[in-house]
């Protein structure tokens, strides 16, 4: 199998900065549809827009959300 077709796990959350959707989904262990429904309902942190088609999440928001779930 070529390297471009190999599925790789997303990188873990960085210590600070921003995370892309695959990283957030991996850390939270949920699917994309459920996550976006949760964002719309206010259960999950909202993204930051970096451009017309680029959304990221503040790592501190994701970590705070995870710690509040414990």
Protein backbone atom coordinates (compact mmCIF):
# COMPACT_ATOMS: atom_id res chain seq x y z
CA UNK A 1 0.00 0.00 0.00
CA UNK A 2 1.35 3.41 -0.88
CA UNK A 3 2.20 5.78 1.91
CA UNK A 4 -0.40 8.33 0.75
CA UNK A 5 -3.20 5.77 1.17
CA UNK A 6 -2.11 4.60 4.64
CA UNK A 7 -4.39 5.77 7.44
CA UNK A 8 -2.55 7.45 10.27
CA UNK A 9 -3.79 8.44 13.69
CA UNK A 10 -3.92 12.17 14.29
CA UNK A 11 -1.17 13.71 16.36
CA UNK A 12 -1.93 14.19 20.05
CA UNK A 13 -2.97 17.63 21.28
CA UNK A 14 -0.07 20.06 21.50
CA UNK A 15 0.67 21.69 24.87
CA UNK A 16 -0.75 24.99 23.65
CA UNK A 17 -2.01 26.59 20.46
CA UNK A 18 -4.62 25.16 18.15
CA UNK A 19 -5.87 21.72 17.10
CA UNK A 20 -7.57 20.65 13.90
CA UNK A 21 -10.78 18.63 13.81
CA UNK A 22 -9.19 15.15 13.46
CA UNK A 23 -7.10 15.75 16.59
CA UNK A 24 -10.11 16.95 18.58
CA UNK A 25 -12.26 14.01 17.48
CA UNK A 26 -9.49 11.55 18.35
CA UNK A 27 -9.00 12.99 21.83
CA UNK A 28 -12.73 13.12 22.58
CA UNK A 29 -13.41 9.73 21.03
CA UNK A 30 -16.54 10.77 19.13
CA UNK A 31 -17.59 11.04 15.51
CA UNK A 32 -17.69 14.13 13.36
CA UNK A 33 -21.48 14.38 13.12
CA UNK A 34 -21.99 14.00 16.87
CA UNK A 35 -19.28 16.56 17.54
CA UNK A 36 -20.75 19.19 15.20
CA UNK A 37 -24.20 18.64 16.70
CA UNK A 38 -22.64 19.22 20.13
CA UNK A 39 -20.92 22.40 18.94
CA UNK A 40 -24.24 23.74 17.60
CA UNK A 41 -25.99 22.84 20.87
CA UNK A 42 -23.24 24.48 22.95
CA UNK A 43 -22.04 21.23 24.57
CA UNK A 44 -18.60 21.38 22.93
CA UNK A 45 -16.21 24.30 22.43
CA UNK A 46 -16.72 26.45 19.35
CA UNK A 47 -14.05 26.67 16.67
CA UNK A 48 -11.94 29.63 15.69
CA UNK A 49 -12.06 30.56 12.01
CA UNK A 50 -8.67 30.96 10.32
CA UNK A 51 -10.14 31.38 6.87
CA UNK A 52 -13.24 30.65 4.81
CA UNK A 53 -12.78 26.87 5.10
CA UNK A 54 -10.39 26.46 8.02
CA UNK A 55 -11.59 25.88 11.57
CA UNK A 56 -9.40 25.12 14.58
CA UNK A 57 -9.98 24.79 18.32
CA UNK A 58 -7.95 26.36 21.10
CA UNK A 59 -6.16 23.55 22.91
CA UNK A 60 -6.90 25.25 26.24
CA UNK A 61 -10.65 25.12 25.45
CA UNK A 62 -10.46 21.39 24.63
CA UNK A 63 -8.42 20.64 27.77
CA UNK A 64 -10.84 22.66 29.90
CA UNK A 65 -13.79 20.79 28.40
CA UNK A 66 -12.13 17.42 29.11
CA UNK A 67 -11.33 18.37 32.72
CA UNK A 68 -14.90 19.59 33.28
CA UNK A 69 -16.22 16.17 32.22
CA UNK A 70 -14.37 14.36 35.04
